[in-house]
Amino acid sequence: MSQPAISQPVATRYTTFREFYPFYLSEHANRTCRRLHFIGSSLVLGVIVAAITTGNAWWLALAPLAGYGFAWVGHFAFEKNRPASFRQPLYSFIGDWVMYWDILRGRITL
């Protein structure tokens, strides 16, 4: 006799960033994950500066690798969860930079 399928809980779709950000922060509880996000975001800023100062837009090709590469290692290896960018990419992108700014201001610890 076959087992009934177990339904997966439906992921919450947030309609405002204000609703989404507490969830986003809960997905970044692991300190190493936050540190990797911060490193990746800092590298993205460095890549943008390199592109501007050298006049070579090819630098920008490294931005997604730096930003998402470090973040995804943080999620898969340390946080042990699926990045929020897979579910709500725009709010997640905004959340990355809000969290970065909150870390710079000391509101979130590394």
PDB file of N, CA and C in Angstrom:
ATOM      1  N   MET A   1       0.844  -1.174   0.000  1.00  0.00           N
ATOM      2  CA  MET A   1       0.000   0.000   0.000  1.00  0.00           C
ATOM      3  C   MET A   1       0.889   1.236   0.000  1.00  0.00           C
ATOM      4  N   SER A   2       0.594   2.215  -0.819  1.00  0.00           N
ATOM      5  CA  SER A   2       1.432   3.402  -0.927  1.00  0.00           C
ATOM      6  C   SER A   2       1.105   4.397   0.186  1.00  0.00           C
ATOM      7  N   GLN A   3       2.137   5.116   0.565  1.00  0.00           N
ATOM      8  CA  GLN A   3       2.004   6.141   1.586  1.00  0.00           C
ATOM      9  C   GLN A   3       1.445   7.416   0.956  1.00  0.00           C
ATOM     10  N   PRO A   4       0.607   8.156   1.665  1.00  0.00           N
ATOM     11  CA  PRO A   4       0.141   9.435   1.131  1.00  0.00           C
ATOM     12  C   PRO A   4       1.318  10.414   1.066  1.00  0.00           C
ATOM     13  N   ALA A   5       1.310  11.263   0.056  1.00  0.00           N
ATOM     14  CA  ALA A   5       2.374  12.254  -0.102  1.00  0.00           C
ATOM     15  C   ALA A   5       2.327  13.245   1.051  1.00  0.00           C
ATOM     16  N   ILE A   6       3.502  13.575   1.557  1.00  0.00           N
ATOM     17  CA  ILE A   6       3.597  14.571   2.616  1.00  0.00           C
ATOM     18  C   ILE A   6       3.719  15.925   1.947  1.00  0.00           C
ATOM     19  N   SER A   7       2.828  16.819   2.276  1.00  0.00           N
ATOM     20  CA  SER A   7       2.885  18.134   1.640  1.00  0.00           C
ATOM     21  C   SER A   7       3.948  18.988   2.306  1.00  0.00           C
ATOM     22  N   GLN A   8       4.630  19.732   1.489  1.00  0.00           N
ATOM     23  CA  GLN A   8       5.630  20.670   1.972  1.00  0.00           C
ATOM     24  C   GLN A   8       4.930  21.954   2.379  1.00  0.00           C
ATOM     25  N   PRO A   9       5.379  22.595   3.458  1.00  0.00           N
ATOM     26  CA  PRO A   9       4.752  23.864   3.821  1.00  0.00           C
ATOM     27  C   PRO A   9       5.009  24.899   2.724  1.00  0.00           C
ATOM     28  N   VAL A  10       4.012  25.696   2.475  1.00  0.00           N
ATOM     29  CA  VAL A  10       4.131  26.730   1.454  1.00  0.00           C
ATOM     30  C   VAL A  10       4.975  27.864   2.009  1.00  0.00           C
ATOM     31  N   ALA A  11       5.992  28.257   1.259  1.00  0.00           N
ATOM     32  CA  ALA A  11       6.862  29.347   1.690  1.00  0.00           C
ATOM     33  C   ALA A  11       6.070  30.651   1.697  1.00  0.00           C
ATOM     34  N   THR A  12       6.269  31.429   2.733  1.00  0.00           N
ATOM     35  CA  THR A  12       5.591  32.711   2.837  1.00  0.00           C
ATOM     36  C   THR A  12       6.112  33.662   1.772  1.00  0.00           C
ATOM     37  N   ARG A  13       5.199  34.306   1.074  1.00  0.00           N
ATOM     38  CA  ARG A  13       5.563  35.343   0.111  1.00  0.00           C
ATOM     39  C   ARG A  13       5.305  36.677   0.790  1.00  0.00           C
ATOM     40  N   TYR A  14       6.360  37.402   1.049  1.00  0.00           N
ATOM     41  CA  TYR A  14       6.230  38.682   1.724  1.00  0.00           C
ATOM     42  C   TYR A  14       5.870  39.751   0.699  1.00  0.00           C
ATOM     43  N   THR A  15       4.974  40.638   1.107  1.00  0.00           N
ATOM     44  CA  THR A  15       4.526  41.672   0.177  1.00  0.00           C
ATOM     45  C   THR A  15       5.239  43.000   0.385  1.00  0.00           C
ATOM     46  N   THR A  16       5.917  43.146   1.529  1.00  0.00           N
ATOM     47  CA  THR A  16       6.702  44.365   1.762  1.00  0.00           C
ATOM     48  C   THR A  16       8.074  43.967   2.307  1.00  0.00           C
ATOM     49  N   PHE A  17       9.039  44.823   2.057  1.00  0.00           N
ATOM     50  CA  PHE A  17      10.375  44.563   2.590  1.00  0.00           C
ATOM     51  C   PHE A  17      10.352  44.623   4.111  1.00  0.00           C
ATOM     52  N   ARG A  18       9.546  45.494   4.677  1.00  0.00           N
ATOM     53  CA  ARG A  18       9.448  45.603   6.144  1.00  0.00           C
ATOM     54  C   ARG A  18       9.043  44.269   6.770  1.00  0.00           C
ATOM     55  N   GLU A  19       8.143  43.537   6.126  1.00  0.00           N
ATOM     56  CA  GLU A  19       7.742  42.211   6.597  1.00  0.00           C
ATOM     57  C   GLU A  19       8.856  41.188   6.370  1.00  0.00           C
ATOM     58  N   PHE A  20       9.559  41.331   5.264  1.00  0.00           N
ATOM     59  CA  PHE A  20      10.554  40.348   4.855  1.00  0.00           C
ATOM     60  C   PHE A  20      11.833  40.413   5.693  1.00  0.00           C
ATOM     61  N   TYR A  21      12.276  41.608   6.078  1.00  0.00           N
ATOM     62  CA  TYR A  21      13.595  41.757   6.694  1.00  0.00           C
ATOM     63  C   TYR A  21      13.780  40.949   7.984  1.00  0.00           C
ATOM     64  N   PRO A  22      12.815  40.887   8.894  1.00  0.00           N
ATOM     65  CA  PRO A  22      13.012  40.008  10.072  1.00  0.00           C
ATOM     66  C   PRO A  22      13.229  38.542   9.675  1.00  0.00           C
ATOM     67  N   PHE A  23      12.480  38.076   8.669  1.00  0.00           N
ATOM     68  CA  PHE A  23      12.703  36.718   8.169  1.00  0.00           C
ATOM     69  C   PHE A  23      14.111  36.598   7.604  1.00  0.00           C
ATOM     70  N   TYR A  24      14.528  37.582   6.814  1.00  0.00           N
ATOM     71  CA  TYR A  24      15.863  37.579   6.217  1.00  0.00           C
ATOM     72  C   TYR A  24      16.932  37.469   7.303  1.00  0.00           C
ATOM     73  N   LEU A  25      16.801  38.254   8.347  1.00  0.00           N
ATOM     74  CA  LEU A  25      17.781  38.202   9.441  1.00  0.00           C
ATOM     75  C   LEU A  25      17.772  36.842  10.132  1.00  0.00           C
ATOM     76  N   SER A  26      16.607  36.224  10.258  1.00  0.00           N
ATOM     77  CA  SER A  26      16.537  34.906  10.894  1.00  0.00           C
ATOM     78  C   SER A  26      17.259  33.852  10.060  1.00  0.00           C
ATOM     79  N   GLU A  27      17.360  34.081   8.762  1.00  0.00           N
ATOM     80  CA  GLU A  27      18.065  33.167   7.866  1.00  0.00           C
ATOM     81  C   GLU A  27      19.580  33.404   7.889  1.00  0.00           C
ATOM     82  N   HIS A  28      20.019  34.370   8.684  1.00  0.00           N
ATOM     83  CA  HIS A  28      21.433  34.719   8.803  1.00  0.00           C
ATOM     84  C   HIS A  28      21.866  34.731  10.267  1.00  0.00           C
ATOM     85  N   ALA A  29      21.386  33.770  11.018  1.00  0.00           N
ATOM     86  CA  ALA A  29      21.701  33.693  12.448  1.00  0.00           C
ATOM     87  C   ALA A  29      23.142  33.251  12.700  1.00  0.00           C
ATOM     88  N   ASN A  30      23.706  32.491  11.774  1.00  0.00           N
ATOM     89  CA  ASN A  30      25.065  31.977  11.931  1.00  0.00           C
ATOM     90  C   ASN A  30      26.080  33.084  11.652  1.00  0.00           C
ATOM     91  N   ARG A  31      26.980  33.273  12.595  1.00  0.00           N
ATOM     92  CA  ARG A  31      27.964  34.359  12.500  1.00  0.00           C
ATOM     93  C   ARG A  31      28.872  34.214  11.278  1.00  0.00           C
ATOM     94  N   THR A  32      29.301  33.015  10.959  1.00  0.00           N
ATOM     95  CA  THR A  32      30.169  32.798   9.795  1.00  0.00           C
ATOM     96  C   THR A  32      29.425  33.131   8.510  1.00  0.00           C
ATOM     97  N   CYS A  33      28.159  32.787   8.454  1.00  0.00           N
ATOM     98  CA  CYS A  33      27.351  33.123   7.280  1.00  0.00           C
ATOM     99  C   CYS A  33      27.301  34.643   7.107  1.00  0.00           C
ATOM    100  N   ARG A  34      27.040  35.373   8.192  1.00  0.00           N
ATOM    101  CA  ARG A  34      27.009  36.843   8.117  1.00  0.00           C
ATOM    102  C   ARG A  34      28.358  37.394   7.680  1.00  0.00           C
ATOM    103  N   ARG A  35      29.423  36.822   8.217  1.00  0.00           N
ATOM    104  CA  ARG A  35      30.765  37.285   7.836  1.00  0.00           C
ATOM    105  C   ARG A  35      31.024  37.063   6.349  1.00  0.00           C
ATOM    106  N   LEU A  36      30.633  35.911   5.841  1.00  0.00           N
ATOM    107  CA  LEU A  36      30.821  35.641   4.417  1.00  0.00           C
ATOM    108  C   LEU A  36      29.986  36.582   3.557  1.00  0.00           C
ATOM    109  N   HIS A  37      28.778  36.898   3.995  1.00  0.00           N
ATOM    110  CA  HIS A  37      27.968  37.897   3.287  1.00  0.00           C
ATOM    111  C   HIS A  37      28.690  39.237   3.259  1.00  0.00           C
ATOM    112  N   PHE A  38      29.224  39.633   4.400  1.00  0.00           N
ATOM    113  CA  PHE A  38      29.905  40.924   4.497  1.00  0.00           C
ATOM    114  C   PHE A  38      31.134  40.965   3.591  1.00  0.00           C
ATOM    115  N   ILE A  39      31.907  39.889   3.591  1.00  0.00           N
ATOM    116  CA  ILE A  39      33.086  39.814   2.717  1.00  0.00           C
ATOM    117  C   ILE A  39      32.661  39.893   1.252  1.00  0.00           C
ATOM    118  N   GLY A  40      31.653  39.117   0.878  1.00  0.00           N
ATOM    119  CA  GLY A  40      31.187  39.122  -0.506  1.00  0.00           C
ATOM    120  C   GLY A  40      30.678  40.483  -0.939  1.00  0.00           C
ATOM    121  N   SER A  41      29.902  41.137  -0.089  1.00  0.00           N
ATOM    122  CA  SER A  41      29.381  42.465  -0.425  1.00  0.00           C
ATOM    123  C   SER A  41      30.514  43.485  -0.526  1.00  0.00           C
ATOM    124  N   SER A  42      31.495  43.379   0.357  1.00  0.00           N
ATOM    125  CA  SER A  42      32.648  44.276   0.287  1.00  0.00           C
ATOM    126  C   SER A  42      33.417  44.068  -1.020  1.00  0.00           C
ATOM    127  N   LEU A  43      33.569  42.812  -1.425  1.00  0.00           N
ATOM    128  CA  LEU A  43      34.237  42.524  -2.696  1.00  0.00           C
ATOM    129  C   LEU A  43      33.456  43.081  -3.883  1.00  0.00           C
ATOM    130  N   VAL A  44      32.131  43.018  -3.807  1.00  0.00           N
ATOM    131  CA  VAL A  44      31.300  43.597  -4.870  1.00  0.00           C
ATOM    132  C   VAL A  44      31.583  45.092  -4.990  1.00  0.00           C
ATOM    133  N   LEU A  45      31.645  45.777  -3.856  1.00  0.00           N
ATOM    134  CA  LEU A  45      31.954  47.209  -3.891  1.00  0.00           C
ATOM    135  C   LEU A  45      33.347  47.448  -4.469  1.00  0.00           C
ATOM    136  N   GLY A  46      34.300  46.590  -4.111  1.00  0.00           N
ATOM    137  CA  GLY A  46      35.648  46.699  -4.658  1.00  0.00           C
ATOM    138  C   GLY A  46      35.681  46.483  -6.159  1.00  0.00           C
ATOM    139  N   VAL A  47      34.911  45.540  -6.637  1.00  0.00           N
ATOM    140  CA  VAL A  47      34.824  45.261  -8.075  1.00  0.00           C
ATOM    141  C   VAL A  47      34.242  46.467  -8.813  1.00  0.00           C
ATOM    142  N   ILE A  48      33.215  47.083  -8.223  1.00  0.00           N
ATOM    143  CA  ILE A  48      32.619  48.272  -8.847  1.00  0.00           C
ATOM    144  C   ILE A  48      33.631  49.410  -8.898  1.00  0.00           C
ATOM    145  N   VAL A  49      34.372  49.605  -7.811  1.00  0.00           N
ATOM    146  CA  VAL A  49      35.407  50.639  -7.795  1.00  0.00           C
ATOM    147  C   VAL A  49      36.473  50.332  -8.838  1.00  0.00           C
ATOM    148  N   ALA A  50      36.878  49.072  -8.957  1.00  0.00           N
ATOM    149  CA  ALA A  50      37.880  48.687  -9.956  1.00  0.00           C
ATOM    150  C   ALA A  50      37.371  48.967 -11.365  1.00  0.00           C
ATOM    151  N   ALA A  51      36.114  48.677 -11.617  1.00  0.00           N
ATOM    152  CA  ALA A  51      35.536  48.923 -12.941  1.00  0.00           C
ATOM    153  C   ALA A  51      35.538  50.413 -13.264  1.00  0.00           C
ATOM    154  N   ILE A  52      35.192  51.227 -12.266  1.00  0.00           N
ATOM    155  CA  ILE A  52      35.141  52.675 -12.479  1.00  0.00           C
ATOM    156  C   ILE A  52      36.538  53.258 -12.659  1.00  0.00           C
ATOM    157  N   THR A  53      37.469  52.862 -11.789  1.00  0.00           N
ATOM    158  CA  THR A  53      38.813  53.462 -11.838  1.00  0.00           C
ATOM    159  C   THR A  53      39.628  53.015 -13.045  1.00  0.00           C
ATOM    160  N   THR A  54      39.397  51.788 -13.502  1.00  0.00           N
ATOM    161  CA  THR A  54      40.150  51.306 -14.659  1.00  0.00           C
ATOM    162  C   THR A  54      39.438  51.590 -15.971  1.00  0.00           C
ATOM    163  N   GLY A  55      38.147  51.910 -15.879  1.00  0.00           N
ATOM    164  CA  GLY A  55      37.362  52.096 -17.090  1.00  0.00           C
ATOM    165  C   GLY A  55      37.086  50.786 -17.815  1.00  0.00           C
ATOM    166  N   ASN A  56      37.294  49.680 -17.126  1.00  0.00           N
ATOM    167  CA  ASN A  56      37.115  48.357 -17.721  1.00  0.00           C
ATOM    168  C   ASN A  56      35.887  47.686 -17.102  1.00  0.00           C
ATOM    169  N   ALA A  57      34.804  47.650 -17.861  1.00  0.00           N
ATOM    170  CA  ALA A  57      33.546  47.086 -17.369  1.00  0.00           C
ATOM    171  C   ALA A  57      33.614  45.579 -17.151  1.00  0.00           C
ATOM    172  N   TRP A  58      34.642  44.923 -17.678  1.00  0.00           N
ATOM    173  CA  TRP A  58      34.768  43.476 -17.466  1.00  0.00           C
ATOM    174  C   TRP A  58      34.895  43.115 -15.988  1.00  0.00           C
ATOM    175  N   TRP A  59      35.371  44.031 -15.179  1.00  0.00           N
ATOM    176  CA  TRP A  59      35.430  43.794 -13.736  1.00  0.00           C
ATOM    177  C   TRP A  59      34.059  43.431 -13.178  1.00  0.00           C
ATOM    178  N   LEU A  60      33.014  44.029 -13.757  1.00  0.00           N
ATOM    179  CA  LEU A  60      31.657  43.814 -13.241  1.00  0.00           C
ATOM    180  C   LEU A  60      31.198  42.373 -13.378  1.00  0.00           C
ATOM    181  N   ALA A  61      31.836  41.619 -14.252  1.00  0.00           N
ATOM    182  CA  ALA A  61      31.492  40.201 -14.391  1.00  0.00           C
ATOM    183  C   ALA A  61      31.801  39.427 -13.112  1.00  0.00           C
ATOM    184  N   LEU A  62      32.712  39.955 -12.294  1.00  0.00           N
ATOM    185  CA  LEU A  62      33.060  39.291 -11.032  1.00  0.00           C
ATOM    186  C   LEU A  62      32.075  39.594  -9.909  1.00  0.00           C
ATOM    187  N   ALA A  63      31.259  40.627 -10.079  1.00  0.00           N
ATOM    188  CA  ALA A  63      30.354  41.043  -8.994  1.00  0.00           C
ATOM    189  C   ALA A  63      29.408  39.922  -8.552  1.00  0.00           C
ATOM    190  N   PRO A  64      28.691  39.257  -9.464  1.00  0.00           N
ATOM    191  CA  PRO A  64      27.794  38.184  -8.994  1.00  0.00           C
ATOM    192  C   PRO A  64      28.550  37.032  -8.333  1.00  0.00           C
ATOM    193  N   LEU A  65      29.711  36.705  -8.863  1.00  0.00           N
ATOM    194  CA  LEU A  65      30.505  35.623  -8.282  1.00  0.00           C
ATOM    195  C   LEU A  65      30.928  35.975  -6.859  1.00  0.00           C
ATOM    196  N   ALA A  66      31.399  37.194  -6.674  1.00  0.00           N
ATOM    197  CA  ALA A  66      31.837  37.628  -5.341  1.00  0.00           C
ATOM    198  C   ALA A  66      30.652  37.687  -4.376  1.00  0.00           C
ATOM    199  N   GLY A  67      29.596  38.348  -4.789  1.00  0.00           N
ATOM    200  CA  GLY A  67      28.457  38.537  -3.893  1.00  0.00           C
ATOM    201  C   GLY A  67      27.730  37.248  -3.576  1.00  0.00           C
ATOM    202  N   TYR A  68      27.273  36.558  -4.606  1.00  0.00           N
ATOM    203  CA  TYR A  68      26.497  35.339  -4.371  1.00  0.00           C
ATOM    204  C   TYR A  68      27.378  34.163  -3.982  1.00  0.00           C
ATOM    205  N   GLY A  69      28.585  34.099  -4.496  1.00  0.00           N
ATOM    206  CA  GLY A  69      29.476  32.989  -4.162  1.00  0.00           C
ATOM    207  C   GLY A  69      29.732  32.885  -2.670  1.00  0.00           C
ATOM    208  N   PHE A  70      30.145  33.987  -2.074  1.00  0.00           N
ATOM    209  CA  PHE A  70      30.418  33.983  -0.632  1.00  0.00           C
ATOM    210  C   PHE A  70      29.135  33.741   0.165  1.00  0.00           C
ATOM    211  N   ALA A  71      28.044  34.377  -0.249  1.00  0.00           N
ATOM    212  CA  ALA A  71      26.785  34.222   0.476  1.00  0.00           C
ATOM    213  C   ALA A  71      26.298  32.777   0.438  1.00  0.00           C
ATOM    214  N   TRP A  72      26.350  32.163  -0.728  1.00  0.00           N
ATOM    215  CA  TRP A  72      25.836  30.805  -0.853  1.00  0.00           C
ATOM    216  C   TRP A  72      26.695  29.802  -0.100  1.00  0.00           C
ATOM    217  N   VAL A  73      27.999  30.011  -0.051  1.00  0.00           N
ATOM    218  CA  VAL A  73      28.843  29.148   0.783  1.00  0.00           C
ATOM    219  C   VAL A  73      28.408  29.287   2.242  1.00  0.00           C
ATOM    220  N   GLY A  74      28.134  30.509   2.657  1.00  0.00           N
ATOM    221  CA  GLY A  74      27.670  30.739   4.024  1.00  0.00           C
ATOM    222  C   GLY A  74      26.382  29.999   4.325  1.00  0.00           C
ATOM    223  N   HIS A  75      25.461  30.022   3.380  1.00  0.00           N
ATOM    224  CA  HIS A  75      24.174  29.356   3.612  1.00  0.00           C
ATOM    225  C   HIS A  75      24.294  27.835   3.576  1.00  0.00           C
ATOM    226  N   PHE A  76      24.927  27.311   2.550  1.00  0.00           N
ATOM    227  CA  PHE A  76      24.976  25.857   2.389  1.00  0.00           C
ATOM    228  C   PHE A  76      25.923  25.190   3.389  1.00  0.00           C
ATOM    229  N   ALA A  77      27.062  25.812   3.685  1.00  0.00           N
ATOM    230  CA  ALA A  77      28.056  25.170   4.539  1.00  0.00           C
ATOM    231  C   ALA A  77      27.883  25.488   6.028  1.00  0.00           C
ATOM    232  N   PHE A  78      27.377  26.670   6.358  1.00  0.00           N
ATOM    233  CA  PHE A  78      27.338  27.074   7.760  1.00  0.00           C
ATOM    234  C   PHE A  78      25.922  27.271   8.296  1.00  0.00           C
ATOM    235  N   GLU A  79      25.096  27.979   7.558  1.00  0.00           N
ATOM    236  CA  GLU A  79      23.723  28.229   8.013  1.00  0.00           C
ATOM    237  C   GLU A  79      22.847  26.993   7.809  1.00  0.00           C
ATOM    238  N   LYS A  80      23.225  26.170   6.835  1.00  0.00           N
ATOM    239  CA  LYS A  80      22.489  24.935   6.508  1.00  0.00           C
ATOM    240  C   LYS A  80      21.047  25.230   6.089  1.00  0.00           C
ATOM    241  N   ASN A  81      20.893  26.274   5.274  1.00  0.00           N
ATOM    242  CA  ASN A  81      19.571  26.590   4.749  1.00  0.00           C
ATOM    243  C   ASN A  81      19.687  27.012   3.284  1.00  0.00           C
ATOM    244  N   ARG A  82      18.565  27.198   2.682  1.00  0.00           N
ATOM    245  CA  ARG A  82      18.505  27.599   1.281  1.00  0.00           C
ATOM    246  C   ARG A  82      18.458  29.123   1.210  1.00  0.00           C
ATOM    247  N   PRO A  83      19.315  29.758   0.428  1.00  0.00           N
ATOM    248  CA  PRO A  83      19.323  31.222   0.386  1.00  0.00           C
ATOM    249  C   PRO A  83      17.951  31.811   0.051  1.00  0.00           C
ATOM    250  N   ALA A  84      17.615  32.884   0.732  1.00  0.00           N
ATOM    251  CA  ALA A  84      16.340  33.566   0.493  1.00  0.00           C
ATOM    252  C   ALA A  84      16.265  34.112  -0.926  1.00  0.00           C
ATOM    253  N   SER A  85      17.410  34.318  -1.557  1.00  0.00           N
ATOM    254  CA  SER A  85      17.418  34.843  -2.932  1.00  0.00           C
ATOM    255  C   SER A  85      16.764  33.874  -3.909  1.00  0.00           C
ATOM    256  N   PHE A  86      16.651  32.601  -3.544  1.00  0.00           N
ATOM    257  CA  PHE A  86      15.981  31.639  -4.407  1.00  0.00           C
ATOM    258  C   PHE A  86      14.463  31.849  -4.395  1.00  0.00           C
ATOM    259  N   ARG A  87      13.946  32.398  -3.285  1.00  0.00           N
ATOM    260  CA  ARG A  87      12.502  32.575  -3.135  1.00  0.00           C
ATOM    261  C   ARG A  87      12.036  33.990  -3.443  1.00  0.00           C
ATOM    262  N   GLN A  88      12.753  34.962  -2.930  1.00  0.00           N
ATOM    263  CA  GLN A  88      12.378  36.358  -3.137  1.00  0.00           C
ATOM    264  C   GLN A  88      13.626  37.150  -3.479  1.00  0.00           C
ATOM    265  N   PRO A  89      14.063  37.079  -4.737  1.00  0.00           N
ATOM    266  CA  PRO A  89      15.357  37.657  -5.119  1.00  0.00           C
ATOM    267  C   PRO A  89      15.492  39.165  -4.893  1.00  0.00           C
ATOM    268  N   LEU A  90      14.463  39.941  -5.178  1.00  0.00           N
ATOM    269  CA  LEU A  90      14.587  41.388  -5.012  1.00  0.00           C
ATOM    270  C   LEU A  90      14.715  41.762  -3.547  1.00  0.00           C
ATOM    271  N   TYR A  91      13.807  41.260  -2.707  1.00  0.00           N
ATOM    272  CA  TYR A  91      13.885  41.565  -1.277  1.00  0.00           C
ATOM    273  C   TYR A  91      15.176  41.028  -0.674  1.00  0.00           C
ATOM    274  N   SER A  92      15.650  39.899  -1.139  1.00  0.00           N
ATOM    275  CA  SER A  92      16.893  39.341  -0.642  1.00  0.00           C
ATOM    276  C   SER A  92      18.080  40.233  -1.009  1.00  0.00           C
ATOM    277  N   PHE A  93      18.088  40.724  -2.246  1.00  0.00           N
ATOM    278  CA  PHE A  93      19.156  41.630  -2.690  1.00  0.00           C
ATOM    279  C   PHE A  93      19.155  42.893  -1.826  1.00  0.00           C
ATOM    280  N   ILE A  94      17.975  43.446  -1.603  1.00  0.00           N
ATOM    281  CA  ILE A  94      17.873  44.638  -0.751  1.00  0.00           C
ATOM    282  C   ILE A  94      18.317  44.288   0.668  1.00  0.00           C
ATOM    283  N   GLY A  95      17.899  43.115   1.153  1.00  0.00           N
ATOM    284  CA  GLY A  95      18.270  42.672   2.494  1.00  0.00           C
ATOM    285  C   GLY A  95      19.776  42.545   2.668  1.00  0.00           C
ATOM    286  N   ASP A  96      20.463  42.077   1.626  1.00  0.00           N
ATOM    287  CA  ASP A  96      21.924  41.982   1.691  1.00  0.00           C
ATOM    288  C   ASP A  96      22.543  43.335   2.020  1.00  0.00           C
ATOM    289  N   TRP A  97      22.059  44.368   1.337  1.00  0.00           N
ATOM    290  CA  TRP A  97      22.660  45.693   1.512  1.00  0.00           C
ATOM    291  C   TRP A  97      22.189  46.375   2.785  1.00  0.00           C
ATOM    292  N   VAL A  98      20.963  46.117   3.218  1.00  0.00           N
ATOM    293  CA  VAL A  98      20.502  46.658   4.498  1.00  0.00           C
ATOM    294  C   VAL A  98      21.284  45.998   5.625  1.00  0.00           C
ATOM    295  N   MET A  99      21.476  44.669   5.551  1.00  0.00           N
ATOM    296  CA  MET A  99      22.254  43.978   6.571  1.00  0.00           C
ATOM    297  C   MET A  99      23.702  44.477   6.570  1.00  0.00           C
ATOM    298  N   TYR A 100      24.267  44.688   5.385  1.00  0.00           N
ATOM    299  CA  TYR A 100      25.636  45.223   5.274  1.00  0.00           C
ATOM    300  C   TYR A 100      25.731  46.561   6.005  1.00  0.00           C
ATOM    301  N   TRP A 101      24.781  47.442   5.731  1.00  0.00           N
ATOM    302  CA  TRP A 101      24.766  48.759   6.375  1.00  0.00           C
ATOM    303  C   TRP A 101      24.562  48.615   7.886  1.00  0.00           C
ATOM    304  N   ASP A 102      23.687  47.695   8.307  1.00  0.00           N
ATOM    305  CA  ASP A 102      23.475  47.471   9.740  1.00  0.00           C
ATOM    306  C   ASP A 102      24.742  46.944  10.419  1.00  0.00           C
ATOM    307  N   ILE A 103      25.509  46.127   9.711  1.00  0.00           N
ATOM    308  CA  ILE A 103      26.782  45.641  10.261  1.00  0.00           C
ATOM    309  C   ILE A 103      27.764  46.807  10.393  1.00  0.00           C
ATOM    310  N   LEU A 104      27.857  47.631   9.360  1.00  0.00           N
ATOM    311  CA  LEU A 104      28.763  48.793   9.411  1.00  0.00           C
ATOM    312  C   LEU A 104      28.424  49.728  10.569  1.00  0.00           C
ATOM    313  N   ARG A 105      27.134  49.873  10.842  1.00  0.00           N
ATOM    314  CA  ARG A 105      26.695  50.771  11.924  1.00  0.00           C
ATOM    315  C   ARG A 105      26.719  50.112  13.289  1.00  0.00           C
ATOM    316  N   GLY A 106      27.071  48.820  13.353  1.00  0.00           N
ATOM    317  CA  GLY A 106      27.149  48.126  14.627  1.00  0.00           C
ATOM    318  C   GLY A 106      25.823  47.614  15.150  1.00  0.00           C
ATOM    319  N   ARG A 107      24.777  47.653  14.336  1.00  0.00           N
ATOM    320  CA  ARG A 107      23.479  47.136  14.762  1.00  0.00           C
ATOM    321  C   ARG A 107      23.431  45.626  14.714  1.00  0.00           C
ATOM    322  N   ILE A 108      24.275  45.035  13.870  1.00  0.00           N
ATOM    323  CA  ILE A 108      24.408  43.585  13.770  1.00  0.00           C
ATOM    324  C   ILE A 108      25.887  43.265  13.956  1.00  0.00           C
ATOM    325  N   THR A 109      26.162  42.278  14.792  1.00  0.00           N
ATOM    326  CA  THR A 109      27.563  41.946  15.067  1.00  0.00           C
ATOM    327  C   THR A 109      28.079  40.889  14.096  1.00  0.00           C
ATOM    328  N   LEU A 110      29.365  41.001  13.837  1.00  0.00           N
ATOM    329  CA  LEU A 110      30.055  39.964  13.062  1.00  0.00           C
ATOM    330  C   LEU A 110      30.722  39.089  14.049  1.00  0.00           C
TER     331      LEU A 110
END
